[in-house]
Each structure stands twice: as structure tokens, then as C-alpha cells.
Amino acid sequence: MRLAFGILDLSARLLFALGVGCLLLGGYLSWQTLSFARDAERTTGEVVGYHETRDGDDTRYRPRIRFRTANGDIITISGQLAAGSKRFAEGTQVPVVYKAAKPTEARVALFTDNWLGACIAAVIGLVGIAGGFLVRRGVRREVAEFRP
């Protein structure tokens, strides 16, 4: 029985560590997005096509977006999020943020493209920490009741 409690305690610690790691990842991704957006220019781009990637039977579509910078340069980028279907119809207008010094470093300025990863990592982190805490508390309670 002692071995079982030890294994459960170890799993609780690992779950807690996973939660902390995911929270740190979520914080890092949020910081990256905020740092990029802080001094970025905003404009509207147009979806001009898709870049397809195939992995076996799985096909992923990454939008190709063309936009005009404040200097008048026309830039075409690939969106940062690939999906299993075409998210936008060709010709759709989408918000874009880009660095004035390097306009080829641009991002689609939508929630899913910038914040989805950080939010998912944060939720997994919170669930991991809560799960680790609850399992550890349960193990400690059972160990206290098990002792003669």
C-alpha cells in the first residue's frame, strides 16, 4: 500500500510540474505576442490563396495574405496558423500587424492566430496545478487515515 501512495504522490508532483511548465509556456507566448504588437504597424490584408502541406492523408492549409505597408510596399506572407480547412475565402480582408523595420515579419491580427496557443497552455497549466494539488491532498488524507 505504501508503494501505491508513493506512486500517487509522484504522479501528483509530476502533474503539478506539468501545470507549472504549461503556465510558463502560456506566459512566454503571451509575452511574445504583446512584444510583437507593442510597436507594430496595423493594416488590412487580403487572402490571395493558400499554401498546402501534406503529411500522409492529412492536408493543412496556410493562408497567403497580401498587404500594403505604410511605405507603399506590397508584401505577401503566409499566415501563422495552418488548419485542416480553408479558414477564409480568397479575397477576404483580414487584419495584419507588421514590424515597420521588417514588414515580412507580419502576423494575422486575429485572436486564434495570436492568443489561442497561450490560452490553451494556460488552461492546461491551471488544470495541471489544480489536479496535482487535489491528488496530493487526497494522498495525504489517505495516508493519515491509513496509519494505525
Protein backbone atom coordinates (compact mmCIF):
# COMPACT_ATOMS: atom_id res chain seq x y z
CA MET A 1 0.00 0.00 0.00
CA ARG A 2 2.90 2.28 0.76
CA LEU A 3 4.17 1.83 -2.81
CA ALA A 4 0.79 2.84 -4.24
CA PHE A 5 0.75 6.01 -2.15
CA GLY A 6 4.31 6.77 -3.26
CA ILE A 7 3.36 6.37 -6.91
CA LEU A 8 0.30 8.58 -6.48
CA ASP A 9 2.37 11.20 -4.70
CA LEU A 10 4.94 11.15 -7.50
CA SER A 11 2.22 11.44 -10.15
CA ALA A 12 0.73 14.41 -8.29
CA ARG A 13 4.13 16.12 -8.27
CA LEU A 14 4.59 15.45 -11.99
CA LEU A 15 1.12 16.77 -12.76
CA PHE A 16 1.89 19.88 -10.73
CA ALA A 17 5.22 20.30 -12.60
CA LEU A 18 3.42 19.90 -15.94
CA GLY A 19 0.97 22.58 -14.86
CA VAL A 20 3.76 24.98 -13.91
CA GLY A 21 5.56 24.29 -17.19
CA CYS A 22 2.40 24.96 -19.21
CA LEU A 23 1.71 28.16 -17.29
CA LEU A 24 5.25 29.32 -18.03
CA LEU A 25 4.77 28.45 -21.70
CA GLY A 26 1.48 30.39 -21.76
CA GLY A 27 3.20 33.37 -20.18
CA TYR A 28 6.05 33.21 -22.68
CA LEU A 29 3.66 33.01 -25.65
CA SER A 30 1.65 35.94 -24.28
CA TRP A 31 4.82 37.97 -23.78
CA GLN A 32 5.91 37.22 -27.37
CA THR A 33 2.55 38.34 -28.76
CA LEU A 34 2.49 41.51 -26.66
CA SER A 35 6.11 42.36 -27.56
CA PHE A 36 5.38 41.95 -31.25
CA ALA A 37 2.19 44.02 -31.14
CA ARG A 38 3.66 46.81 -29.00
CA ASP A 39 5.49 48.60 -31.79
CA ALA A 40 3.84 47.02 -34.82
CA GLU A 41 2.01 48.79 -37.60
CA ARG A 42 -1.58 47.78 -38.35
CA THR A 43 -3.16 47.37 -41.76
CA THR A 44 -5.62 45.20 -43.64
CA GLY A 45 -4.51 42.39 -45.92
CA GLU A 46 -6.29 40.28 -48.50
CA VAL A 47 -6.26 36.49 -48.67
CA VAL A 48 -4.83 35.71 -52.11
CA GLY A 49 -4.52 31.94 -51.86
CA TYR A 50 -3.37 29.05 -49.72
CA HIS A 51 -0.16 27.14 -49.18
CA GLU A 52 -0.96 23.44 -48.87
CA THR A 53 1.18 20.99 -46.93
CA ARG A 54 0.54 17.27 -47.00
CA ASP A 55 1.52 14.75 -44.37
CA GLY A 56 0.22 11.38 -45.47
CA ASP A 57 -3.54 11.69 -45.77
CA ASP A 58 -3.61 14.95 -43.78
CA THR A 59 -3.68 18.24 -45.72
CA ARG A 60 -3.11 21.54 -43.92
CA TYR A 61 -3.89 24.96 -45.40
CA ARG A 62 -1.98 28.12 -44.51
CA PRO A 63 -3.44 31.36 -45.94
CA ARG A 64 -1.31 33.56 -48.18
CA ILE A 65 -2.02 37.20 -47.37
CA ARG A 66 -1.02 40.28 -49.35
CA PHE A 67 -0.92 43.72 -47.76
CA ARG A 68 0.46 47.18 -48.42
CA THR A 69 2.82 48.80 -45.89
CA ALA A 70 2.73 52.46 -44.90
CA ASN A 71 5.65 52.98 -47.33
CA GLY A 72 3.59 51.54 -50.19
CA ASP A 73 5.47 48.23 -50.44
CA ILE A 74 3.35 45.21 -51.28
CA ILE A 75 4.18 42.21 -49.09
CA THR A 76 2.85 38.66 -49.25
CA ILE A 77 3.08 36.47 -46.15
CA SER A 78 1.86 33.09 -45.00
CA GLY A 79 -0.46 33.10 -42.01
CA GLN A 80 0.99 31.65 -38.83
CA LEU A 81 -1.83 29.14 -38.26
CA ALA A 82 -2.36 26.14 -40.55
CA ALA A 83 -5.77 24.45 -40.45
CA GLY A 84 -7.39 21.36 -41.87
CA SER A 85 -9.73 23.52 -43.94
CA LYS A 86 -9.51 26.86 -45.70
CA ARG A 87 -10.42 29.38 -43.00
CA PHE A 88 -11.07 32.33 -45.30
CA ALA A 89 -12.44 32.68 -48.80
CA GLU A 90 -9.99 34.14 -51.28
CA GLY A 91 -10.44 37.90 -51.38
CA THR A 92 -11.38 38.12 -47.68
CA GLN A 93 -9.96 41.14 -45.86
CA VAL A 94 -8.06 40.26 -42.65
CA PRO A 95 -6.29 42.49 -40.12
CA VAL A 96 -2.49 42.32 -40.21
CA VAL A 97 0.22 43.64 -37.88
CA TYR A 98 3.82 44.01 -39.07
CA LYS A 99 7.13 45.44 -37.98
CA ALA A 100 7.91 48.68 -39.80
CA ALA A 101 11.60 47.76 -39.95
CA LYS A 102 10.89 44.22 -41.23
CA PRO A 103 7.46 44.08 -42.89
CA THR A 104 8.00 40.45 -43.90
CA GLU A 105 7.68 39.62 -40.19
CA ALA A 106 3.93 40.05 -40.13
CA ARG A 107 1.07 38.29 -38.39
CA VAL A 108 -2.64 37.94 -38.93
CA ALA A 109 -4.14 40.03 -36.12
CA LEU A 110 -6.93 37.65 -35.05
CA PHE A 111 -7.42 36.01 -31.66
CA THR A 112 -6.94 32.45 -32.90
CA ASP A 113 -3.69 33.32 -34.66
CA ASN A 114 -2.11 35.16 -31.72
CA TRP A 115 -3.70 34.11 -28.44
CA LEU A 116 -5.08 30.58 -28.88
CA GLY A 117 -1.80 28.84 -28.07
CA ALA A 118 -1.19 30.96 -24.97
CA CYS A 119 -4.75 30.40 -23.73
CA ILE A 120 -4.63 26.64 -24.25
CA ALA A 121 -1.27 26.41 -22.48
CA ALA A 122 -2.61 28.49 -19.57
CA VAL A 123 -5.76 26.37 -19.22
CA ILE A 124 -3.75 23.14 -19.30
CA GLY A 125 -1.39 24.67 -16.75
CA LEU A 126 -4.19 25.63 -14.38
CA VAL A 127 -5.84 22.21 -14.72
CA GLY A 128 -2.48 20.50 -14.12
CA ILE A 129 -1.75 22.53 -11.00
CA ALA A 130 -5.25 22.01 -9.63
CA GLY A 131 -5.13 18.29 -10.42
CA GLY A 132 -1.72 17.88 -8.83
CA PHE A 133 -2.86 19.74 -5.73
CA LEU A 134 -6.05 17.67 -5.40
CA VAL A 135 -4.31 14.32 -5.94
CA ARG A 136 -1.58 15.23 -3.44
CA ARG A 137 -4.16 16.36 -0.88
CA GLY A 138 -6.11 13.13 -1.36
CA VAL A 139 -2.96 11.03 -0.95
CA ARG A 140 -2.02 12.85 2.25
CA ARG A 141 -5.53 12.37 3.63
CA GLU A 142 -5.48 8.65 2.81
CA VAL A 143 -2.01 8.21 4.31
CA ALA A 144 -3.18 9.92 7.50
CA GLU A 145 -6.23 7.62 7.72
CA PHE A 146 -4.20 4.53 6.81
CA ARG A 147 -1.68 4.96 9.65
CA PRO A 148 -2.63 2.97 12.74
